[in-house]
Amino acid sequence: MSYYVYILECADKTFYIGSTNNLEKRLVVHNFSKAGAKYTKARRPVVLKYSENLKTKSRALKREYTLKQLTRTEKMALMKGAILRGKK
């Protein structure tokens, strides 16, 4: 099973970082469900800006933690680099 770490951009231009094993379903939940993250429910709509595919849940959680430690500028550079490399 694959796991994903992702960065969403909220309507207020803030970023949300999370992990999941079903990225498409999680995006729908963030945008339309009452079960979405409390943070994103108040900041809809959200747009996927970046994602990484990882082999294990453990690696995904570690990577999520690492991404959350980045500054906004570093997150933006990561997303820009991913777009340039075609990894979005």
Protein backbone atom coordinates (compact mmCIF):
# COMPACT_ATOMS: atom_id res chain seq x y z
CA MET A 1 0.00 0.00 0.00
CA SER A 2 1.21 3.51 -0.81
CA TYR A 3 0.99 6.50 1.49
CA TYR A 4 1.02 10.15 0.59
CA VAL A 5 2.19 13.32 2.26
CA TYR A 6 0.55 16.41 0.85
CA ILE A 7 0.39 20.17 1.11
CA LEU A 8 -2.89 21.99 0.59
CA GLU A 9 -3.33 25.68 0.06
CA CYS A 10 -6.42 26.97 1.84
CA ALA A 11 -8.67 29.80 0.66
CA ASP A 12 -6.92 32.16 3.11
CA LYS A 13 -3.55 31.26 1.50
CA THR A 14 -2.33 29.26 4.51
CA PHE A 15 -0.91 25.76 4.08
CA TYR A 16 -2.12 22.50 5.57
CA ILE A 17 0.12 19.42 5.62
CA GLY A 18 -1.22 15.91 6.09
CA SER A 19 -0.77 12.26 5.17
CA THR A 20 -3.13 9.58 3.89
CA ASN A 21 -3.29 6.30 2.02
CA ASN A 22 -5.98 7.60 -0.37
CA LEU A 23 -5.17 11.08 -1.61
CA GLU A 24 -8.19 11.59 -3.88
CA LYS A 25 -10.65 10.59 -1.16
CA ARG A 26 -8.87 12.76 1.42
CA LEU A 27 -9.12 15.83 -0.83
CA VAL A 28 -12.86 15.32 -1.16
CA VAL A 29 -13.15 15.02 2.62
CA HIS A 30 -11.14 18.21 3.16
CA ASN A 31 -13.35 20.15 0.76
CA PHE A 32 -16.84 18.75 1.31
CA SER A 33 -17.21 16.59 4.41
CA LYS A 34 -17.93 17.37 8.04
CA ALA A 35 -15.27 14.77 8.83
CA GLY A 36 -12.46 16.86 7.34
CA ALA A 37 -9.71 18.39 9.43
CA LYS A 38 -10.97 21.18 11.68
CA TYR A 39 -8.32 23.51 10.25
CA THR A 40 -9.41 23.09 6.64
CA LYS A 41 -13.17 23.13 7.34
CA ALA A 42 -12.92 26.81 8.23
CA ARG A 43 -10.67 27.61 5.25
CA ARG A 44 -12.38 26.01 2.26
CA PRO A 45 -11.89 25.51 -0.57
CA VAL A 46 -8.50 23.86 -0.42
CA VAL A 47 -6.28 23.05 -3.40
CA LEU A 48 -3.62 20.36 -3.61
CA LYS A 49 -0.26 22.02 -4.21
CA TYR A 50 2.21 19.21 -3.54
CA SER A 51 2.33 15.50 -2.79
CA GLU A 52 4.88 12.76 -2.28
CA ASN A 53 4.31 9.02 -2.53
CA LEU A 54 5.96 6.95 0.21
CA LYS A 55 6.10 3.19 0.76
CA THR A 56 5.14 2.98 4.43
CA LYS A 57 2.92 4.81 6.89
CA SER A 58 5.91 5.33 9.16
CA ARG A 59 7.87 7.09 6.41
CA ALA A 60 4.86 9.22 5.52
CA LEU A 61 4.39 10.35 9.13
CA LYS A 62 8.09 11.16 9.49
CA ARG A 63 8.04 13.14 6.25
CA GLU A 64 4.87 14.96 7.34
CA TYR A 65 6.61 16.02 10.54
CA THR A 66 9.65 17.21 8.59
CA LEU A 67 7.52 19.28 6.20
CA LYS A 68 5.65 20.86 9.09
CA GLN A 69 8.97 22.12 10.47
CA LEU A 70 9.72 24.09 7.30
CA THR A 71 9.15 27.80 7.08
CA ARG A 72 6.51 29.12 4.68
CA THR A 73 9.28 30.22 2.32
CA GLU A 74 10.83 26.75 2.37
CA LYS A 75 7.43 25.12 1.72
CA MET A 76 6.86 27.44 -1.24
CA ALA A 77 10.31 26.61 -2.64
CA LEU A 78 9.59 22.89 -2.26
CA MET A 79 6.30 23.24 -4.12
CA LYS A 80 7.86 25.38 -6.85
CA GLY A 81 10.67 22.87 -7.30
CA ALA A 82 8.18 20.02 -7.53
CA ILE A 83 6.23 21.83 -10.23
CA LEU A 84 9.42 22.49 -12.19
CA ARG A 85 10.33 18.80 -11.97
CA GLY A 86 6.82 17.71 -12.90
CA LYS A 87 6.18 15.97 -9.56
CA LYS A 88 2.96 17.72 -8.58
